[in-house]
Amino acid sequence: MPVRRPYLAALLTVAVAGVGLTACTEQKKDAASSDGAVQINASDSACELSKTTFAAGPVNFTVSNKGSKTTEVYVYAAEDKIVTERENIGPGTKATITAEIKAGEYEVACKPGMVGDGIRQKITVTGDAAQAKTDPRLTAAVAAYRTYVQEQADATIPLVRKFADAVKAGDLEAAKAAFAPSRTGWERTEPVAESFGDIDPKTDTREDGLEPGQEWTGWHKLEKSLWADGAITDADKKLADQLVADLTDWQKVVGSAEITATSMANGAKELLDEVATGKVTGEEDRYSHTDLPDFNANVEGALKAYQLLKPVVAEQDAELAKTLDQEFAAIQALLAKYNQGGTWTSYDKVGESERKAFSDAVNALAEPLSKLAAATVVK
């Protein structure tokens, strides 16, 4: 589901967006963060930053949404490759991200309403991030996570081919059975996949997430044909081949994704945000109601990132590690109740009170998970 989030790529700190740069005194005051963070004041028509030039390395930045629409903030490298993002920042709320970004030229985009290209401004990051303090355990965590991401992409290809073959054979029931398994590896590592800006829109866009003029392709277009329409067309068969091709492109490039310890941590939080905004609501797989296996894969991906970072996190913030252990265990236990012998409960059979329990569990995990990135910065 696009409109999202990266997880990897180096991370950032942000700059000014150039609409209505006549900031009032109060906004300028807000921009001067007492803790040294880069302040972003977002509104429905502006994206104002306290700095447009800053040093490479770990950076804290705080987004304040002063507008009437839910917003998100992206940092883009060349060709709109996502460096980092934070979605679903509601009106009147703030979001803080700890990020790490290398020297270079970038663009920051604030997206009121979470649509379009956003209000953009160029930023410059100076210096050499390699001079920052490093911990060999974090270097090992990044390497292990990179291996995990590649493994998930490699495992996805035969599963998506099985799905595509069933679609091309016109076998409705076989295609339905293969749909959810074909998505697992993607859902575990989605923020990394999304850092390659052109792949996610082609493979995982919902109908209401289409940009003007965008052709609807990918999993969810085929999902609608299988469940809502109950028929496989010749056009669907071509889309099945395109899905395999697009995901094979992802498999080939995912190893080149830029991953840092902080991007791993922020990506884990983004995966929980995905659950909160798409899976718990039932919007993601609205025709097939296969939200729970996607939900579970998001949690598994977030847990993997946390477990790899845990040696450093537990040393720097033992209480945070303890809380994360407890909340991950709680949400996994809740999910397990809906999986009988590998078969997940159809989400349309999950009542409102049960969905509320899922939402509460996600929120209980998301709050401490938002602190994970800060705990990976070696002091």
Protein backbone atom coordinates (compact mmCIF):
# COMPACT_ATOMS: atom_id res chain seq x y z
CA MET A 1 0.00 0.00 0.00
CA PRO A 2 1.76 3.12 -1.06
CA VAL A 3 1.84 6.43 0.57
CA ARG A 4 4.62 5.28 2.70
CA ARG A 5 7.37 4.80 4.39
CA PRO A 6 11.32 3.72 3.97
CA TYR A 7 13.25 2.22 6.45
CA LEU A 8 16.45 2.17 5.32
CA ALA A 9 18.42 4.23 3.35
CA ALA A 10 20.46 6.62 5.27
CA LEU A 11 18.40 8.97 7.39
CA LEU A 12 18.12 12.51 7.63
CA THR A 13 17.22 15.77 8.85
CA VAL A 14 15.40 18.24 6.94
CA ALA A 15 15.08 21.44 5.10
CA VAL A 16 12.79 24.12 4.06
CA ALA A 17 9.93 23.74 1.74
CA GLY A 18 9.30 26.72 -0.30
CA VAL A 19 5.68 27.71 -0.05
CA GLY A 20 4.74 30.77 1.95
CA LEU A 21 8.08 31.39 3.60
CA THR A 22 6.64 34.28 5.56
CA ALA A 23 6.69 32.42 8.83
CA CYS A 24 5.17 34.17 11.77
CA THR A 25 7.17 34.89 14.89
CA GLU A 26 5.62 31.97 16.72
CA GLN A 27 6.64 29.55 13.96
CA LYS A 28 10.20 30.85 14.03
CA LYS A 29 10.25 30.36 17.74
CA ASP A 30 9.10 26.76 17.32
CA ALA A 31 11.84 26.21 14.75
CA ALA A 32 14.55 26.79 17.32
CA SER A 33 14.56 23.48 19.11
CA SER A 34 16.16 23.60 22.53
CA ASP A 35 17.59 20.06 22.21
CA GLY A 36 19.36 20.79 18.92
CA ALA A 37 16.86 18.90 16.79
CA VAL A 38 15.99 20.07 13.31
CA GLN A 39 12.46 21.42 13.64
CA ILE A 40 9.96 20.97 10.80
CA ASN A 41 6.79 23.03 10.98
CA ALA A 42 4.33 21.48 8.54
CA SER A 43 0.99 22.95 7.54
CA ASP A 44 -1.50 22.50 4.70
CA SER A 45 0.49 24.91 2.53
CA ALA A 46 4.04 25.01 3.91
CA CYS A 47 6.94 22.96 5.19
CA GLU A 48 9.32 25.14 7.18
CA LEU A 49 12.61 23.85 8.58
CA SER A 50 15.00 25.32 11.06
CA LYS A 51 18.01 24.33 8.91
CA THR A 52 18.67 23.59 5.27
CA THR A 53 22.34 22.73 5.80
CA PHE A 54 23.68 20.49 8.54
CA ALA A 55 26.39 17.94 9.28
CA ALA A 56 26.22 14.27 8.35
CA GLY A 57 25.72 11.63 11.00
CA PRO A 58 22.99 10.99 13.60
CA VAL A 59 20.37 13.72 13.63
CA ASN A 60 17.21 14.31 15.64
CA PHE A 61 14.36 16.09 13.95
CA THR A 62 10.90 16.95 15.13
CA VAL A 63 7.86 17.42 12.91
CA SER A 64 5.00 19.58 14.15
CA ASN A 65 1.82 19.37 12.08
CA LYS A 66 0.17 22.76 12.36
CA GLY A 67 -2.27 22.10 9.52
CA SER A 68 -5.76 20.63 9.29
CA LYS A 69 -4.72 17.52 7.33
CA THR A 70 -2.78 14.43 8.30
CA THR A 71 0.67 14.78 6.80
CA GLU A 72 3.86 12.84 6.15
CA VAL A 73 7.46 13.85 5.60
CA TYR A 74 9.91 12.29 3.15
CA VAL A 75 13.59 12.78 2.49
CA TYR A 76 14.56 11.91 -1.07
CA ALA A 77 17.93 11.21 -2.64
CA ALA A 78 18.44 11.37 -6.41
CA GLU A 79 15.62 9.99 -8.57
CA ASP A 80 13.23 10.13 -5.63
CA LYS A 81 14.90 7.26 -3.81
CA ILE A 82 13.44 7.40 -0.32
CA VAL A 83 15.99 7.98 2.40
CA THR A 84 13.48 8.14 5.23
CA GLU A 85 9.91 9.08 5.97
CA ARG A 86 7.31 9.39 8.67
CA GLU A 87 3.64 8.94 7.85
CA ASN A 88 0.34 9.64 9.53
CA ILE A 89 1.27 12.73 11.51
CA GLY A 90 -2.13 13.99 12.57
CA PRO A 91 -3.20 17.64 12.84
CA GLY A 92 -1.89 19.24 16.01
CA THR A 93 0.52 16.38 16.75
CA LYS A 94 4.29 15.95 16.68
CA ALA A 95 6.61 13.18 15.58
CA THR A 96 10.30 12.84 16.47
CA ILE A 97 12.73 10.78 14.44
CA THR A 98 16.36 9.95 15.08
CA ALA A 99 18.08 9.46 11.76
CA GLU A 100 21.47 9.07 10.17
CA ILE A 101 22.32 10.59 6.82
CA LYS A 102 25.44 10.77 4.72
CA ALA A 103 26.89 13.88 3.13
CA GLY A 104 25.17 14.89 -0.09
CA GLU A 105 22.27 16.73 -1.69
CA TYR A 106 18.67 15.74 -0.86
CA GLU A 107 15.11 16.97 -1.07
CA VAL A 108 12.60 17.13 1.76
CA ALA A 109 8.90 16.78 0.99
CA CYS A 110 5.99 17.49 3.31
CA LYS A 111 2.77 15.90 2.01
CA PRO A 112 -0.41 17.36 3.54
CA GLY A 113 -3.19 14.85 3.00
CA MET A 114 -0.46 12.27 2.29
CA VAL A 115 -0.88 12.68 -1.48
CA GLY A 116 1.09 14.04 -4.40
CA ASP A 117 4.74 15.01 -4.70
CA GLY A 118 4.61 17.24 -1.64
CA ILE A 119 5.97 20.67 -0.84
CA ARG A 120 9.69 20.30 -1.57
CA GLN A 121 12.94 21.98 -0.65
CA LYS A 122 16.57 21.10 -1.30
CA ILE A 123 18.88 20.44 1.63
CA THR A 124 22.63 19.96 1.89
CA VAL A 125 24.30 17.54 4.28
CA THR A 126 27.99 18.23 4.86
CA GLY A 127 30.93 16.29 6.26
CA ASP A 128 31.65 12.58 6.53
CA ALA A 129 29.23 10.35 8.42
CA ALA A 130 32.02 7.79 8.73
CA GLN A 131 33.56 10.06 11.37
CA ALA A 132 30.60 9.37 13.64
CA LYS A 133 31.06 7.00 16.54
CA THR A 134 30.35 3.43 15.49
CA ASP A 135 29.82 0.20 17.36
CA PRO A 136 30.93 -3.06 15.71
CA ARG A 137 27.73 -4.68 16.99
CA LEU A 138 25.67 -2.22 14.97
CA THR A 139 27.82 -2.86 11.91
CA ALA A 140 27.12 -6.56 12.33
CA ALA A 141 23.40 -5.89 12.82
CA VAL A 142 23.20 -3.93 9.58
CA ALA A 143 25.03 -6.68 7.68
CA ALA A 144 22.75 -9.36 9.11
CA TYR A 145 19.66 -7.34 8.31
CA ARG A 146 20.84 -6.78 4.75
CA THR A 147 21.16 -10.56 4.40
CA TYR A 148 17.65 -11.00 5.85
CA VAL A 149 16.14 -8.52 3.39
CA GLN A 150 17.76 -10.28 0.44
CA GLU A 151 16.58 -13.66 1.71
CA GLN A 152 13.01 -12.40 1.94
CA ALA A 153 13.15 -11.06 -1.61
CA ASP A 154 14.65 -14.30 -2.91
CA ALA A 155 11.96 -16.37 -1.17
CA THR A 156 9.19 -14.17 -2.58
CA ILE A 157 9.92 -14.84 -6.26
CA PRO A 158 8.92 -18.55 -6.40
CA LEU A 159 5.81 -17.80 -4.34
CA VAL A 160 4.70 -14.94 -6.57
CA ARG A 161 5.39 -17.10 -9.64
CA LYS A 162 3.10 -19.77 -8.17
CA PHE A 163 0.42 -17.11 -7.68
CA ALA A 164 0.92 -15.77 -11.20
CA ASP A 165 0.83 -19.25 -12.75
CA ALA A 166 -2.53 -19.93 -11.09
CA VAL A 167 -3.90 -16.62 -12.40
CA LYS A 168 -2.66 -17.36 -15.92
CA ALA A 169 -4.19 -20.84 -15.75
CA GLY A 170 -7.54 -19.28 -14.84
CA ASP A 171 -7.61 -21.32 -11.62
CA LEU A 172 -9.52 -19.03 -9.29
CA GLU A 173 -9.21 -21.13 -6.13
CA ALA A 174 -5.51 -21.88 -6.59
CA ALA A 175 -4.83 -18.19 -7.18
CA LYS A 176 -6.73 -17.26 -4.01
CA ALA A 177 -4.73 -19.80 -1.98
CA ALA A 178 -1.42 -18.47 -3.33
CA PHE A 179 -2.21 -14.77 -2.88
CA ALA A 180 -1.34 -14.21 0.81
CA PRO A 181 1.82 -16.40 0.88
CA SER A 182 3.19 -14.47 -2.09
CA ARG A 183 3.11 -11.27 -0.02
CA THR A 184 4.89 -12.42 3.15
CA GLY A 185 8.49 -11.53 2.27
CA TRP A 186 7.42 -8.13 0.96
CA GLU A 187 5.41 -7.35 4.10
CA ARG A 188 8.32 -8.29 6.36
CA THR A 189 10.66 -5.83 4.66
CA GLU A 190 8.29 -3.29 3.13
CA PRO A 191 10.06 -0.10 4.23
CA VAL A 192 13.20 -1.27 2.44
CA ALA A 193 11.21 -2.09 -0.68
CA GLU A 194 9.61 1.33 -0.58
CA SER A 195 12.96 3.07 -0.61
CA PHE A 196 12.98 2.25 -4.32
CA GLY A 197 10.27 4.70 -5.23
CA ASP A 198 8.98 3.16 -8.47
CA ILE A 199 8.51 -0.47 -7.36
CA ASP A 200 5.99 -0.11 -4.54
CA PRO A 201 3.42 1.89 -6.59
CA LYS A 202 3.47 -0.79 -9.30
CA THR A 203 3.10 -3.78 -6.99
CA ASP A 204 1.26 -2.83 -3.80
CA THR A 205 -1.05 0.12 -4.49
CA ARG A 206 -4.67 0.01 -3.41
CA GLU A 207 -7.26 1.50 -5.72
CA ASP A 208 -7.81 4.55 -3.51
CA GLY A 209 -4.05 5.17 -3.35
CA LEU A 210 -3.59 5.74 -7.08
CA GLU A 211 -2.05 9.00 -8.21
CA PRO A 212 -3.79 10.87 -11.06
CA GLY A 213 -3.09 9.07 -14.33
CA GLN A 214 -1.53 6.05 -12.64
CA GLU A 215 -2.49 2.65 -14.03
CA TRP A 216 -3.62 0.21 -11.35
CA THR A 217 -1.37 -2.85 -11.33
CA GLY A 218 -0.04 -5.31 -8.79
CA TRP A 219 -1.36 -7.52 -6.02
CA HIS A 220 -4.44 -5.56 -5.07
CA LYS A 221 -5.75 -5.19 -8.62
CA LEU A 222 -5.56 -8.97 -8.96
CA GLU A 223 -7.05 -9.38 -5.48
CA LYS A 224 -10.12 -7.44 -6.58
CA SER A 225 -10.54 -9.61 -9.67
CA LEU A 226 -10.27 -12.83 -7.67
CA TRP A 227 -12.56 -11.97 -4.76
CA ALA A 228 -14.79 -9.07 -5.75
CA ASP A 229 -15.26 -9.87 -9.45
CA GLY A 230 -14.86 -13.64 -9.14
CA ALA A 231 -13.30 -13.88 -12.59
CA ILE A 232 -9.86 -13.81 -14.20
CA THR A 233 -9.57 -11.78 -17.40
CA ASP A 234 -6.89 -11.78 -20.10
CA ALA A 235 -5.77 -8.41 -18.71
CA ASP A 236 -5.32 -10.02 -15.29
CA LYS A 237 -3.09 -12.69 -16.82
CA LYS A 238 -0.85 -9.96 -18.25
CA LEU A 239 -0.82 -8.19 -14.88
CA ALA A 240 0.30 -11.43 -13.23
CA ASP A 241 3.36 -11.56 -15.49
CA GLN A 242 4.02 -7.88 -14.80
CA LEU A 243 3.86 -8.49 -11.04
CA VAL A 244 6.51 -11.20 -11.34
CA ALA A 245 8.70 -8.90 -13.45
CA ASP A 246 8.34 -5.96 -11.05
CA LEU A 247 9.14 -8.07 -8.00
CA THR A 248 12.10 -9.62 -9.79
CA ASP A 249 13.38 -6.08 -10.32
CA TRP A 250 12.99 -5.55 -6.55
CA GLN A 251 14.88 -8.76 -5.84
CA LYS A 252 17.78 -7.57 -8.01
CA VAL A 253 18.15 -4.12 -6.46
CA VAL A 254 17.21 -4.69 -2.81
CA GLY A 255 20.79 -5.62 -1.95
CA SER A 256 21.89 -2.10 -2.90
CA ALA A 257 19.51 -0.42 -0.45
CA GLU A 258 21.22 1.93 1.94
CA ILE A 259 20.69 0.58 5.44
CA THR A 260 21.79 1.99 8.78
CA ALA A 261 21.03 1.03 12.36
CA THR A 262 18.68 4.00 12.70
CA SER A 263 16.91 3.20 9.44
CA MET A 264 16.37 -0.36 10.67
CA ALA A 265 14.83 1.01 13.86
CA ASN A 266 12.68 3.57 12.07
CA GLY A 267 11.61 0.89 9.61
CA ALA A 268 10.43 -1.31 12.46
CA LYS A 269 8.22 1.54 13.63
CA GLU A 270 6.96 2.06 10.09
CA LEU A 271 5.91 -1.57 9.90
CA LEU A 272 3.78 -1.09 13.00
CA ASP A 273 2.32 2.06 11.45
CA GLU A 274 1.41 -0.06 8.43
CA VAL A 275 -0.50 -2.40 10.70
CA ALA A 276 -2.30 0.44 12.43
CA THR A 277 -3.38 2.22 9.25
CA GLY A 278 -4.07 -0.72 6.95
CA LYS A 279 -4.29 -4.11 8.59
CA VAL A 280 -6.22 -3.42 11.81
CA THR A 281 -8.74 -1.38 9.84
CA GLY A 282 -9.16 -4.10 7.21
CA GLU A 283 -8.33 -1.67 4.40
CA GLU A 284 -5.19 -3.37 3.08
CA ASP A 285 -6.72 -6.64 1.87
CA ARG A 286 -10.30 -5.43 1.65
CA TYR A 287 -11.44 -8.02 -0.90
CA SER A 288 -9.61 -11.15 0.30
CA HIS A 289 -9.67 -10.36 4.04
CA THR A 290 -6.16 -11.82 4.31
CA ASP A 291 -5.07 -8.97 6.58
CA LEU A 292 -3.88 -11.17 9.44
CA PRO A 293 -1.01 -12.92 7.62
CA ASP A 294 0.14 -9.48 6.39
CA PHE A 295 -0.20 -8.16 9.95
CA ASN A 296 1.88 -11.05 11.24
CA ALA A 297 4.57 -10.53 8.59
CA ASN A 298 4.84 -6.83 9.52
CA VAL A 299 5.34 -7.80 13.17
CA GLU A 300 7.92 -10.45 12.24
CA GLY A 301 9.89 -7.92 10.20
CA ALA A 302 9.84 -5.35 12.99
CA LEU A 303 10.89 -7.98 15.53
CA LYS A 304 13.81 -9.09 13.35
CA ALA A 305 15.17 -5.55 13.16
CA TYR A 306 14.79 -5.10 16.92
CA GLN A 307 16.45 -8.42 17.76
CA LEU A 308 19.48 -7.56 15.66
CA LEU A 309 19.81 -4.17 17.35
CA LYS A 310 19.01 -5.43 20.84
CA PRO A 311 22.60 -5.99 22.12
CA VAL A 312 23.26 -2.26 21.85
CA VAL A 313 19.75 -1.15 22.79
CA ALA A 314 19.71 -3.26 25.96
CA GLU A 315 23.01 -1.76 27.04
CA GLN A 316 21.96 1.83 26.39
CA ASP A 317 18.34 1.58 27.56
CA ALA A 318 17.64 -1.63 29.47
CA GLU A 319 14.12 -0.56 30.40
CA LEU A 320 13.21 0.06 26.76
CA ALA A 321 14.51 -3.38 25.76
CA LYS A 322 12.49 -4.99 28.55
CA THR A 323 9.32 -3.20 27.43
CA LEU A 324 9.86 -4.13 23.79
CA ASP A 325 10.39 -7.78 24.70
CA GLN A 326 7.11 -7.79 26.60
CA GLU A 327 5.07 -5.99 23.95
CA PHE A 328 6.39 -8.07 21.06
CA ALA A 329 5.54 -11.23 23.02
CA ALA A 330 2.05 -9.91 23.75
CA ILE A 331 1.20 -9.07 20.16
CA GLN A 332 2.56 -12.38 18.90
CA ALA A 333 0.47 -14.28 21.46
CA LEU A 334 -2.62 -12.36 20.34
CA LEU A 335 -1.97 -13.13 16.68
CA ALA A 336 -1.37 -16.82 17.42
CA LYS A 337 -4.99 -17.19 18.55
CA TYR A 338 -6.09 -16.53 14.98
CA ASN A 339 -3.78 -19.04 13.31
CA GLN A 340 -4.92 -22.65 13.38
CA GLY A 341 -2.47 -25.06 11.78
CA GLY A 342 -1.16 -22.41 9.42
CA THR A 343 -4.62 -21.18 8.42
CA TRP A 344 -5.41 -17.60 9.38
CA THR A 345 -8.86 -16.41 10.34
CA SER A 346 -10.47 -14.36 7.60
CA TYR A 347 -10.48 -10.78 8.83
CA ASP A 348 -14.16 -10.27 8.05
CA LYS A 349 -14.79 -12.82 10.81
CA VAL A 350 -12.94 -10.69 13.38
CA GLY A 351 -15.39 -8.60 15.40
CA GLU A 352 -15.07 -4.97 16.46
CA SER A 353 -14.05 -5.79 20.03
CA GLU A 354 -11.32 -8.11 18.71
CA ARG A 355 -10.12 -5.46 16.30
CA LYS A 356 -9.96 -3.05 19.23
CA ALA A 357 -7.74 -5.55 21.06
CA PHE A 358 -5.45 -5.67 18.03
CA SER A 359 -5.37 -1.87 17.88
CA ASP A 360 -4.51 -1.62 21.57
CA ALA A 361 -1.69 -4.15 21.19
CA VAL A 362 -0.28 -2.29 18.19
CA ASN A 363 -0.38 1.03 20.03
CA ALA A 364 1.26 -0.51 23.11
CA LEU A 365 4.16 -1.71 20.94
CA ALA A 366 4.40 1.31 18.65
CA GLU A 367 5.04 3.80 21.46
CA PRO A 368 8.24 2.18 22.80
CA LEU A 369 9.25 1.18 19.28
CA SER A 370 9.33 4.88 18.37
CA LYS A 371 12.24 5.22 20.84
CA LEU A 372 14.29 2.41 19.31
CA ALA A 373 16.25 4.55 16.85
CA ALA A 374 17.47 6.92 19.59
CA ALA A 375 18.73 3.92 21.57
CA THR A 376 20.93 2.82 18.68
CA VAL A 377 22.94 6.06 18.61
CA VAL A 378 26.18 5.32 20.42
CA LYS A 379 26.99 8.04 22.90
